[in-house]
Amino acid sequence: MNNVFDFPAKPFKLSDSTVVSRWEEICCYGEVGPIRVTLARRLDAMPDLIHVVVLGSSCWVGVAPVASMPDNANGRAVADITGAAVVRAIEHAEVEFAAERTTC
């Protein structure tokens, strides 16, 4: 399945104590730079939940669940609104960050 991702991502060797979570991407709400906002289902946890997740490189953001809802029509409706709002918030943050004057 190409829509399943594992974190932490390879290439480093996992030890026996490393916790690996498996996620299935249901849909993507958008990407802002290196950050991707998706609707995902965790394959190694409770099957009745879906999550709005912020994805980035494993050394920076990794997998950051923003909201969890029941895996039904009402939960999906809330997730769609939440996902779009998260993408917009990240877009605003990126613009504000880029517009800041830096001091030396």
PDB file of N, CA and C in Angstrom:
ATOM      1  N   MET A   1       0.854  -1.176   0.000  1.00  0.00           N
ATOM      2  CA  MET A   1       0.000   0.000   0.000  1.00  0.00           C
ATOM      3  C   MET A   1       0.896   1.234   0.000  1.00  0.00           C
ATOM      4  N   ASN A   2       0.754   2.099  -0.988  1.00  0.00           N
ATOM      5  CA  ASN A   2       1.589   3.277  -1.056  1.00  0.00           C
ATOM      6  C   ASN A   2       1.077   4.422  -0.196  1.00  0.00           C
ATOM      7  N   ASN A   3      -0.080   4.285   0.415  1.00  0.00           N
ATOM      8  CA  ASN A   3      -0.589   5.339   1.281  1.00  0.00           C
ATOM      9  C   ASN A   3      -0.394   5.004   2.753  1.00  0.00           C
ATOM     10  N   VAL A   4       0.489   4.074   3.071  1.00  0.00           N
ATOM     11  CA  VAL A   4       0.811   3.720   4.440  1.00  0.00           C
ATOM     12  C   VAL A   4       2.220   4.213   4.728  1.00  0.00           C
ATOM     13  N   PHE A   5       2.394   4.943   5.829  1.00  0.00           N
ATOM     14  CA  PHE A   5       3.724   5.420   6.175  1.00  0.00           C
ATOM     15  C   PHE A   5       4.037   5.037   7.603  1.00  0.00           C
ATOM     16  N   ASP A   6       5.308   4.785   7.853  1.00  0.00           N
ATOM     17  CA  ASP A   6       5.798   4.399   9.167  1.00  0.00           C
ATOM     18  C   ASP A   6       6.641   5.530   9.744  1.00  0.00           C
ATOM     19  N   PHE A   7       6.526   5.780  11.025  1.00  0.00           N
ATOM     20  CA  PHE A   7       7.408   6.713  11.712  1.00  0.00           C
ATOM     21  C   PHE A   7       7.930   6.032  12.942  1.00  0.00           C
ATOM     22  N   PRO A   8       9.172   6.094  13.287  1.00  0.00           N
ATOM     23  CA  PRO A   8      10.166   6.895  12.578  1.00  0.00           C
ATOM     24  C   PRO A   8      10.516   6.276  11.239  1.00  0.00           C
ATOM     25  N   ALA A   9      10.865   7.131  10.299  1.00  0.00           N
ATOM     26  CA  ALA A   9      11.211   6.643   8.961  1.00  0.00           C
ATOM     27  C   ALA A   9      12.599   6.025   8.984  1.00  0.00           C
ATOM     28  N   LYS A  10      12.839   5.087   8.084  1.00  0.00           N
ATOM     29  CA  LYS A  10      14.164   4.528   7.943  1.00  0.00           C
ATOM     30  C   LYS A  10      15.016   5.669   7.401  1.00  0.00           C
ATOM     31  N   PRO A  11      16.252   5.760   7.291  1.00  0.00           N
ATOM     32  CA  PRO A  11      17.232   4.732   7.051  1.00  0.00           C
ATOM     33  C   PRO A  11      17.989   4.269   8.278  1.00  0.00           C
ATOM     34  N   PHE A  12      17.824   4.897   9.451  1.00  0.00           N
ATOM     35  CA  PHE A  12      18.613   4.422  10.588  1.00  0.00           C
ATOM     36  C   PHE A  12      18.074   3.097  11.106  1.00  0.00           C
ATOM     37  N   LYS A  13      18.947   2.342  11.746  1.00  0.00           N
ATOM     38  CA  LYS A  13      18.566   1.021  12.249  1.00  0.00           C
ATOM     39  C   LYS A  13      17.726   1.186  13.500  1.00  0.00           C
ATOM     40  N   LEU A  14      16.577   0.549  13.522  1.00  0.00           N
ATOM     41  CA  LEU A  14      15.691   0.617  14.675  1.00  0.00           C
ATOM     42  C   LEU A  14      16.153  -0.360  15.743  1.00  0.00           C
ATOM     43  N   SER A  15      16.176   0.088  16.968  1.00  0.00           N
ATOM     44  CA  SER A  15      16.510  -0.818  18.065  1.00  0.00           C
ATOM     45  C   SER A  15      15.234  -1.525  18.517  1.00  0.00           C
ATOM     46  N   ASP A  16      15.389  -2.487  19.413  1.00  0.00           N
ATOM     47  CA  ASP A  16      14.221  -3.229  19.899  1.00  0.00           C
ATOM     48  C   ASP A  16      13.274  -2.341  20.689  1.00  0.00           C
ATOM     49  N   SER A  17      13.775  -1.239  21.258  1.00  0.00           N
ATOM     50  CA  SER A  17      12.934  -0.368  22.080  1.00  0.00           C
ATOM     51  C   SER A  17      12.315   0.783  21.294  1.00  0.00           C
ATOM     52  N   THR A  18      12.620   0.909  20.007  1.00  0.00           N
ATOM     53  CA  THR A  18      12.067   1.990  19.204  1.00  0.00           C
ATOM     54  C   THR A  18      10.588   1.738  18.929  1.00  0.00           C
ATOM     55  N   VAL A  19       9.779   2.755  19.178  1.00  0.00           N
ATOM     56  CA  VAL A  19       8.342   2.648  18.914  1.00  0.00           C
ATOM     57  C   VAL A  19       8.089   3.109  17.477  1.00  0.00           C
ATOM     58  N   VAL A  20       7.428   2.272  16.702  1.00  0.00           N
ATOM     59  CA  VAL A  20       7.099   2.590  15.320  1.00  0.00           C
ATOM     60  C   VAL A  20       5.587   2.626  15.197  1.00  0.00           C
ATOM     61  N   SER A  21       5.061   3.724  14.675  1.00  0.00           N
ATOM     62  CA  SER A  21       3.626   3.812  14.454  1.00  0.00           C
ATOM     63  C   SER A  21       3.351   3.706  12.956  1.00  0.00           C
ATOM     64  N   ARG A  22       2.261   3.042  12.608  1.00  0.00           N
ATOM     65  CA  ARG A  22       1.875   2.858  11.210  1.00  0.00           C
ATOM     66  C   ARG A  22       0.590   3.635  10.951  1.00  0.00           C
ATOM     67  N   TRP A  23       0.628   4.460   9.902  1.00  0.00           N
ATOM     68  CA  TRP A  23      -0.494   5.323   9.557  1.00  0.00           C
ATOM     69  C   TRP A  23      -0.906   5.077   8.118  1.00  0.00           C
ATOM     70  N   GLU A  24      -2.210   5.150   7.864  1.00  0.00           N
ATOM     71  CA  GLU A  24      -2.742   5.073   6.499  1.00  0.00           C
ATOM     72  C   GLU A  24      -3.298   6.444   6.152  1.00  0.00           C
ATOM     73  N   GLU A  25      -2.797   7.023   5.076  1.00  0.00           N
ATOM     74  CA  GLU A  25      -3.291   8.322   4.648  1.00  0.00           C
ATOM     75  C   GLU A  25      -4.600   8.141   3.893  1.00  0.00           C
ATOM     76  N   ILE A  26      -5.640   8.834   4.337  1.00  0.00           N
ATOM     77  CA  ILE A  26      -6.950   8.755   3.693  1.00  0.00           C
ATOM     78  C   ILE A  26      -7.059   9.822   2.615  1.00  0.00           C
ATOM     79  N   CYS A  27      -6.660  11.058   2.941  1.00  0.00           N
ATOM     80  CA  CYS A  27      -6.640  12.138   1.956  1.00  0.00           C
ATOM     81  C   CYS A  27      -5.660  13.210   2.412  1.00  0.00           C
ATOM     82  N   CYS A  28      -5.288  14.062   1.487  1.00  0.00           N
ATOM     83  CA  CYS A  28      -4.373  15.164   1.784  1.00  0.00           C
ATOM     84  C   CYS A  28      -5.153  16.476   1.680  1.00  0.00           C
ATOM     85  N   TYR A  29      -5.032  17.314   2.708  1.00  0.00           N
ATOM     86  CA  TYR A  29      -5.716  18.607   2.697  1.00  0.00           C
ATOM     87  C   TYR A  29      -4.865  19.685   2.046  1.00  0.00           C
ATOM     88  N   GLY A  30      -3.556  19.504   2.054  1.00  0.00           N
ATOM     89  CA  GLY A  30      -2.686  20.482   1.407  1.00  0.00           C
ATOM     90  C   GLY A  30      -1.259  20.395   1.907  1.00  0.00           C
ATOM     91  N   GLU A  31      -0.386  21.083   1.173  1.00  0.00           N
ATOM     92  CA  GLU A  31       1.023  21.140   1.529  1.00  0.00           C
ATOM     93  C   GLU A  31       1.459  22.590   1.552  1.00  0.00           C
ATOM     94  N   VAL A  32       2.273  22.921   2.543  1.00  0.00           N
ATOM     95  CA  VAL A  32       2.860  24.249   2.651  1.00  0.00           C
ATOM     96  C   VAL A  32       4.347  24.028   2.882  1.00  0.00           C
ATOM     97  N   GLY A  33       5.149  24.317   1.868  1.00  0.00           N
ATOM     98  CA  GLY A  33       6.585  24.044   1.974  1.00  0.00           C
ATOM     99  C   GLY A  33       6.795  22.560   2.245  1.00  0.00           C
ATOM    100  N   PRO A  34       7.582  22.234   3.285  1.00  0.00           N
ATOM    101  CA  PRO A  34       7.852  20.832   3.585  1.00  0.00           C
ATOM    102  C   PRO A  34       6.792  20.172   4.467  1.00  0.00           C
ATOM    103  N   ILE A  35       5.739  20.902   4.780  1.00  0.00           N
ATOM    104  CA  ILE A  35       4.713  20.404   5.707  1.00  0.00           C
ATOM    105  C   ILE A  35       3.487  19.965   4.917  1.00  0.00           C
ATOM    106  N   ARG A  36       2.948  18.813   5.297  1.00  0.00           N
ATOM    107  CA  ARG A  36       1.765  18.242   4.636  1.00  0.00           C
ATOM    108  C   ARG A  36       0.703  17.996   5.705  1.00  0.00           C
ATOM    109  N   VAL A  37      -0.535  18.368   5.421  1.00  0.00           N
ATOM    110  CA  VAL A  37      -1.653  18.131   6.343  1.00  0.00           C
ATOM    111  C   VAL A  37      -2.543  17.063   5.722  1.00  0.00           C
ATOM    112  N   THR A  38      -2.755  15.979   6.461  1.00  0.00           N
ATOM    113  CA  THR A  38      -3.514  14.854   5.920  1.00  0.00           C
ATOM    114  C   THR A  38      -4.569  14.372   6.903  1.00  0.00           C
ATOM    115  N   LEU A  39      -5.495  13.606   6.375  1.00  0.00           N
ATOM    116  CA  LEU A  39      -6.422  12.837   7.201  1.00  0.00           C
ATOM    117  C   LEU A  39      -5.874  11.423   7.193  1.00  0.00           C
ATOM    118  N   ALA A  40      -5.654  10.872   8.378  1.00  0.00           N
ATOM    119  CA  ALA A  40      -5.013   9.564   8.463  1.00  0.00           C
ATOM    120  C   ALA A  40      -5.695   8.693   9.506  1.00  0.00           C
ATOM    121  N   ARG A  41      -5.455   7.410   9.351  1.00  0.00           N
ATOM    122  CA  ARG A  41      -5.955   6.412  10.297  1.00  0.00           C
ATOM    123  C   ARG A  41      -4.742   5.655  10.822  1.00  0.00           C
ATOM    124  N   ARG A  42      -4.672   5.495  12.108  1.00  0.00           N
ATOM    125  CA  ARG A  42      -3.553   4.758  12.688  1.00  0.00           C
ATOM    126  C   ARG A  42      -3.852   3.264  12.605  1.00  0.00           C
ATOM    127  N   LEU A  43      -2.945   2.504  12.020  1.00  0.00           N
ATOM    128  CA  LEU A  43      -3.173   1.077  11.803  1.00  0.00           C
ATOM    129  C   LEU A  43      -2.810   0.235  13.010  1.00  0.00           C
ATOM    130  N   ASP A  44      -2.045   0.788  13.941  1.00  0.00           N
ATOM    131  CA  ASP A  44      -1.602   0.020  15.106  1.00  0.00           C
ATOM    132  C   ASP A  44      -2.281   0.495  16.390  1.00  0.00           C
ATOM    133  N   ALA A  45      -3.414   1.165  16.264  1.00  0.00           N
ATOM    134  CA  ALA A  45      -4.120   1.689  17.441  1.00  0.00           C
ATOM    135  C   ALA A  45      -5.619   1.485  17.256  1.00  0.00           C
ATOM    136  N   MET A  46      -6.411   2.243  18.023  1.00  0.00           N
ATOM    137  CA  MET A  46      -7.870   2.096  17.965  1.00  0.00           C
ATOM    138  C   MET A  46      -8.385   2.280  16.538  1.00  0.00           C
ATOM    139  N   PRO A  47      -9.147   1.324  16.012  1.00  0.00           N
ATOM    140  CA  PRO A  47      -9.590   1.403  14.628  1.00  0.00           C
ATOM    141  C   PRO A  47     -10.763   2.354  14.389  1.00  0.00           C
ATOM    142  N   ASP A  48     -11.385   2.846  15.428  1.00  0.00           N
ATOM    143  CA  ASP A  48     -12.577   3.666  15.258  1.00  0.00           C
ATOM    144  C   ASP A  48     -12.295   5.159  15.253  1.00  0.00           C
ATOM    145  N   LEU A  49     -11.032   5.563  15.079  1.00  0.00           N
ATOM    146  CA  LEU A  49     -10.677   6.975  15.075  1.00  0.00           C
ATOM    147  C   LEU A  49      -9.960   7.351  13.780  1.00  0.00           C
ATOM    148  N   ILE A  50     -10.201   8.592  13.333  1.00  0.00           N
ATOM    149  CA  ILE A  50      -9.422   9.191  12.255  1.00  0.00           C
ATOM    150  C   ILE A  50      -8.756  10.427  12.843  1.00  0.00           C
ATOM    151  N   HIS A  51      -7.655  10.849  12.227  1.00  0.00           N
ATOM    152  CA  HIS A  51      -6.868  11.934  12.789  1.00  0.00           C
ATOM    153  C   HIS A  51      -6.471  12.922  11.703  1.00  0.00           C
ATOM    154  N   VAL A  52      -6.567  14.219  12.013  1.00  0.00           N
ATOM    155  CA  VAL A  52      -5.960  15.238  11.176  1.00  0.00           C
ATOM    156  C   VAL A  52      -4.523  15.322  11.658  1.00  0.00           C
ATOM    157  N   VAL A  53      -3.581  15.137  10.726  1.00  0.00           N
ATOM    158  CA  VAL A  53      -2.179  14.984  11.080  1.00  0.00           C
ATOM    159  C   VAL A  53      -1.328  15.976  10.289  1.00  0.00           C
ATOM    160  N   VAL A  54      -0.351  16.583  10.955  1.00  0.00           N
ATOM    161  CA  VAL A  54       0.648  17.405  10.281  1.00  0.00           C
ATOM    162  C   VAL A  54       1.888  16.543  10.113  1.00  0.00           C
ATOM    163  N   LEU A  55       2.349  16.420   8.873  1.00  0.00           N
ATOM    164  CA  LEU A  55       3.533  15.618   8.548  1.00  0.00           C
ATOM    165  C   LEU A  55       4.665  16.527   8.114  1.00  0.00           C
ATOM    166  N   GLY A  56       5.848  16.190   8.539  1.00  0.00           N
ATOM    167  CA  GLY A  56       7.052  16.883   8.098  1.00  0.00           C
ATOM    168  C   GLY A  56       8.188  15.893   8.118  1.00  0.00           C
ATOM    169  N   SER A  57       9.386  16.381   7.926  1.00  0.00           N
ATOM    170  CA  SER A  57      10.527  15.467   7.995  1.00  0.00           C
ATOM    171  C   SER A  57      10.595  14.883   9.395  1.00  0.00           C
ATOM    172  N   SER A  58      11.059  13.658   9.500  1.00  0.00           N
ATOM    173  CA  SER A  58      11.054  12.971  10.784  1.00  0.00           C
ATOM    174  C   SER A  58      11.945  13.644  11.808  1.00  0.00           C
ATOM    175  N   CYS A  59      12.933  14.431  11.373  1.00  0.00           N
ATOM    176  CA  CYS A  59      13.795  15.108  12.336  1.00  0.00           C
ATOM    177  C   CYS A  59      13.210  16.454  12.760  1.00  0.00           C
ATOM    178  N   TRP A  60      12.193  16.960  12.052  1.00  0.00           N
ATOM    179  CA  TRP A  60      11.662  18.271  12.389  1.00  0.00           C
ATOM    180  C   TRP A  60      10.275  18.170  13.007  1.00  0.00           C
ATOM    181  N   VAL A  61       9.281  17.755  12.248  1.00  0.00           N
ATOM    182  CA  VAL A  61       7.911  17.653  12.745  1.00  0.00           C
ATOM    183  C   VAL A  61       7.539  16.207  13.015  1.00  0.00           C
ATOM    184  N   GLY A  62       7.888  15.313  12.098  1.00  0.00           N
ATOM    185  CA  GLY A  62       7.464  13.929  12.212  1.00  0.00           C
ATOM    186  C   GLY A  62       5.970  13.840  11.960  1.00  0.00           C
ATOM    187  N   VAL A  63       5.280  13.126  12.799  1.00  0.00           N
ATOM    188  CA  VAL A  63       3.826  13.018  12.724  1.00  0.00           C
ATOM    189  C   VAL A  63       3.263  13.738  13.936  1.00  0.00           C
ATOM    190  N   ALA A  64       2.477  14.771  13.698  1.00  0.00           N
ATOM    191  CA  ALA A  64       1.888  15.535  14.794  1.00  0.00           C
ATOM    192  C   ALA A  64       0.368  15.530  14.652  1.00  0.00           C
ATOM    193  N   PRO A  65      -0.326  14.633  15.365  1.00  0.00           N
ATOM    194  CA  PRO A  65      -1.790  14.644  15.305  1.00  0.00           C
ATOM    195  C   PRO A  65      -2.337  15.947  15.884  1.00  0.00           C
ATOM    196  N   VAL A  66      -3.239  16.571  15.152  1.00  0.00           N
ATOM    197  CA  VAL A  66      -3.830  17.838  15.569  1.00  0.00           C
ATOM    198  C   VAL A  66      -5.199  17.603  16.191  1.00  0.00           C
ATOM    199  N   ALA A  67      -5.964  16.673  15.633  1.00  0.00           N
ATOM    200  CA  ALA A  67      -7.310  16.397  16.129  1.00  0.00           C
ATOM    201  C   ALA A  67      -7.668  14.952  15.820  1.00  0.00           C
ATOM    202  N   SER A  68      -8.464  14.367  16.685  1.00  0.00           N
ATOM    203  CA  SER A  68      -8.948  12.993  16.488  1.00  0.00           C
ATOM    204  C   SER A  68     -10.466  12.993  16.554  1.00  0.00           C
ATOM    205  N   MET A  69     -11.089  12.255  15.653  1.00  0.00           N
ATOM    206  CA  MET A  69     -12.539  12.175  15.582  1.00  0.00           C
ATOM    207  C   MET A  69     -12.971  10.737  15.359  1.00  0.00           C
ATOM    208  N   PRO A  70     -14.262  10.460  15.601  1.00  0.00           N
ATOM    209  CA  PRO A  70     -14.773   9.130  15.276  1.00  0.00           C
ATOM    210  C   PRO A  70     -14.736   8.903  13.762  1.00  0.00           C
ATOM    211  N   ASP A  71     -14.502   7.683  13.378  1.00  0.00           N
ATOM    212  CA  ASP A  71     -14.430   7.334  11.958  1.00  0.00           C
ATOM    213  C   ASP A  71     -15.839   7.073  11.431  1.00  0.00           C
ATOM    214  N   ASN A  72     -16.599   8.160  11.263  1.00  0.00           N
ATOM    215  CA  ASN A  72     -17.942   8.086  10.694  1.00  0.00           C
ATOM    216  C   ASN A  72     -18.184   9.364   9.891  1.00  0.00           C
ATOM    217  N   ALA A  73     -19.384   9.526   9.366  1.00  0.00           N
ATOM    218  CA  ALA A  73     -19.673  10.682   8.509  1.00  0.00           C
ATOM    219  C   ALA A  73     -19.522  12.002   9.260  1.00  0.00           C
ATOM    220  N   ASN A  74     -19.986  12.070  10.511  1.00  0.00           N
ATOM    221  CA  ASN A  74     -19.862  13.304  11.282  1.00  0.00           C
ATOM    222  C   ASN A  74     -18.400  13.625  11.583  1.00  0.00           C
ATOM    223  N   GLY A  75     -17.630  12.609  11.951  1.00  0.00           N
ATOM    224  CA  GLY A  75     -16.213  12.812  12.212  1.00  0.00           C
ATOM    225  C   GLY A  75     -15.467  13.270  10.975  1.00  0.00           C
ATOM    226  N   ARG A  76     -15.828  12.707   9.834  1.00  0.00           N
ATOM    227  CA  ARG A  76     -15.179  13.104   8.581  1.00  0.00           C
ATOM    228  C   ARG A  76     -15.511  14.548   8.226  1.00  0.00           C
ATOM    229  N   ALA A  77     -16.749  14.973   8.477  1.00  0.00           N
ATOM    230  CA  ALA A  77     -17.131  16.364   8.200  1.00  0.00           C
ATOM    231  C   ALA A  77     -16.319  17.327   9.064  1.00  0.00           C
ATOM    232  N   VAL A  78     -16.170  17.009  10.337  1.00  0.00           N
ATOM    233  CA  VAL A  78     -15.376  17.851  11.238  1.00  0.00           C
ATOM    234  C   VAL A  78     -13.907  17.831  10.814  1.00  0.00           C
ATOM    235  N   ALA A  79     -13.405  16.663  10.418  1.00  0.00           N
ATOM    236  CA  ALA A  79     -12.015  16.537   9.984  1.00  0.00           C
ATOM    237  C   ALA A  79     -11.746  17.382   8.741  1.00  0.00           C
ATOM    238  N   ASP A  80     -12.689  17.413   7.805  1.00  0.00           N
ATOM    239  CA  ASP A  80     -12.506  18.201   6.589  1.00  0.00           C
ATOM    240  C   ASP A  80     -12.406  19.696   6.904  1.00  0.00           C
ATOM    241  N   ILE A  81     -13.215  20.166   7.833  1.00  0.00           N
ATOM    242  CA  ILE A  81     -13.151  21.574   8.244  1.00  0.00           C
ATOM    243  C   ILE A  81     -11.850  21.841   8.987  1.00  0.00           C
ATOM    244  N   THR A  82     -11.484  20.944   9.894  1.00  0.00           N
ATOM    245  CA  THR A  82     -10.263  21.100  10.681  1.00  0.00           C
ATOM    246  C   THR A  82      -9.031  21.064   9.791  1.00  0.00           C
ATOM    247  N   GLY A  83      -8.978  20.134   8.858  1.00  0.00           N
ATOM    248  CA  GLY A  83      -7.830  20.020   7.965  1.00  0.00           C
ATOM    249  C   GLY A  83      -7.607  21.280   7.146  1.00  0.00           C
ATOM    250  N   ALA A  84      -8.686  21.824   6.599  1.00  0.00           N
ATOM    251  CA  ALA A  84      -8.573  23.063   5.824  1.00  0.00           C
ATOM    252  C   ALA A  84      -8.111  24.225   6.708  1.00  0.00           C
ATOM    253  N   ALA A  85      -8.607  24.285   7.933  1.00  0.00           N
ATOM    254  CA  ALA A  85      -8.199  25.351   8.856  1.00  0.00           C
ATOM    255  C   ALA A  85      -6.727  25.232   9.240  1.00  0.00           C
ATOM    256  N   VAL A  86      -6.252  24.026   9.431  1.00  0.00           N
ATOM    257  CA  VAL A  86      -4.834  23.820   9.784  1.00  0.00           C
ATOM    258  C   VAL A  86      -3.940  24.251   8.625  1.00  0.00           C
ATOM    259  N   VAL A  87      -4.297  23.872   7.402  1.00  0.00           N
ATOM    260  CA  VAL A  87      -3.512  24.285   6.235  1.00  0.00           C
ATOM    261  C   VAL A  87      -3.450  25.809   6.160  1.00  0.00           C
ATOM    262  N   ARG A  88      -4.579  26.457   6.351  1.00  0.00           N
ATOM    263  CA  ARG A  88      -4.628  27.930   6.271  1.00  0.00           C
ATOM    264  C   ARG A  88      -3.789  28.562   7.376  1.00  0.00           C
ATOM    265  N   ALA A  89      -3.842  27.998   8.574  1.00  0.00           N
ATOM    266  CA  ALA A  89      -3.046  28.531   9.684  1.00  0.00           C
ATOM    267  C   ALA A  89      -1.550  28.401   9.396  1.00  0.00           C
ATOM    268  N   ILE A  90      -1.145  27.279   8.823  1.00  0.00           N
ATOM    269  CA  ILE A  90       0.271  27.093   8.484  1.00  0.00           C
ATOM    270  C   ILE A  90       0.681  28.073   7.386  1.00  0.00           C
ATOM    271  N   GLU A  91      -0.198  28.304   6.415  1.00  0.00           N
ATOM    272  CA  GLU A  91       0.093  29.288   5.363  1.00  0.00           C
ATOM    273  C   GLU A  91       0.308  30.671   5.967  1.00  0.00           C
ATOM    274  N   HIS A  92      -0.563  31.068   6.895  1.00  0.00           N
ATOM    275  CA  HIS A  92      -0.420  32.377   7.551  1.00  0.00           C
ATOM    276  C   HIS A  92       0.870  32.446   8.357  1.00  0.00           C
ATOM    277  N   ALA A  93       1.187  31.378   9.073  1.00  0.00           N
ATOM    278  CA  ALA A  93       2.413  31.358   9.875  1.00  0.00           C
ATOM    279  C   ALA A  93       3.641  31.466   8.974  1.00  0.00           C
ATOM    280  N   GLU A  94       3.608  30.802   7.839  1.00  0.00           N
ATOM    281  CA  GLU A  94       4.742  30.856   6.923  1.00  0.00           C
ATOM    282  C   GLU A  94       4.933  32.269   6.388  1.00  0.00           C
ATOM    283  N   VAL A  95       3.844  32.931   6.037  1.00  0.00           N
ATOM    284  CA  VAL A  95       3.929  34.301   5.523  1.00  0.00           C
ATOM    285  C   VAL A  95       4.448  35.237   6.605  1.00  0.00           C
ATOM    286  N   GLU A  96       3.936  35.109   7.830  1.00  0.00           N
ATOM    287  CA  GLU A  96       4.396  35.954   8.934  1.00  0.00           C
ATOM    288  C   GLU A  96       5.859  35.707   9.231  1.00  0.00           C
ATOM    289  N   PHE A  97       6.277  34.455   9.216  1.00  0.00           N
ATOM    290  CA  PHE A  97       7.670  34.111   9.494  1.00  0.00           C
ATOM    291  C   PHE A  97       8.579  34.695   8.415  1.00  0.00           C
ATOM    292  N   ALA A  98       8.175  34.590   7.158  1.00  0.00           N
ATOM    293  CA  ALA A  98       8.985  35.092   6.058  1.00  0.00           C
ATOM    294  C   ALA A  98       9.041  36.622   6.059  1.00  0.00           C
ATOM    295  N   ALA A  99       8.014  37.277   6.591  1.00  0.00           N
ATOM    296  CA  ALA A  99       7.949  38.735   6.588  1.00  0.00           C
ATOM    297  C   ALA A  99       8.701  39.369   7.755  1.00  0.00           C
ATOM    298  N   GLU A 100       9.088  38.587   8.757  1.00  0.00           N
ATOM    299  CA  GLU A 100       9.790  39.138   9.918  1.00  0.00           C
ATOM    300  C   GLU A 100      11.161  39.654   9.523  1.00  0.00           C
ATOM    301  N   ARG A 101      11.513  40.778  10.121  1.00  0.00           N
ATOM    302  CA  ARG A 101      12.869  41.301   9.934  1.00  0.00           C
ATOM    303  C   ARG A 101      13.803  40.545  10.857  1.00  0.00           C
ATOM    304  N   THR A 102      14.922  40.190  10.338  1.00  0.00           N
ATOM    305  CA  THR A 102      15.897  39.502  11.188  1.00  0.00           C
ATOM    306  C   THR A 102      16.905  40.509  11.701  1.00  0.00           C
ATOM    307  N   THR A 103      17.364  40.301  12.900  1.00  0.00           N
ATOM    308  CA  THR A 103      18.379  41.168  13.476  1.00  0.00           C
ATOM    309  C   THR A 103      19.667  40.389  13.647  1.00  0.00           C
ATOM    310  N   CYS A 104      20.754  41.048  13.428  1.00  0.00           N
ATOM    311  CA  CYS A 104      22.065  40.387  13.539  1.00  0.00           C
ATOM    312  C   CYS A 104      22.760  40.821  14.815  1.00  0.00           C
TER     313      CYS A 104
END
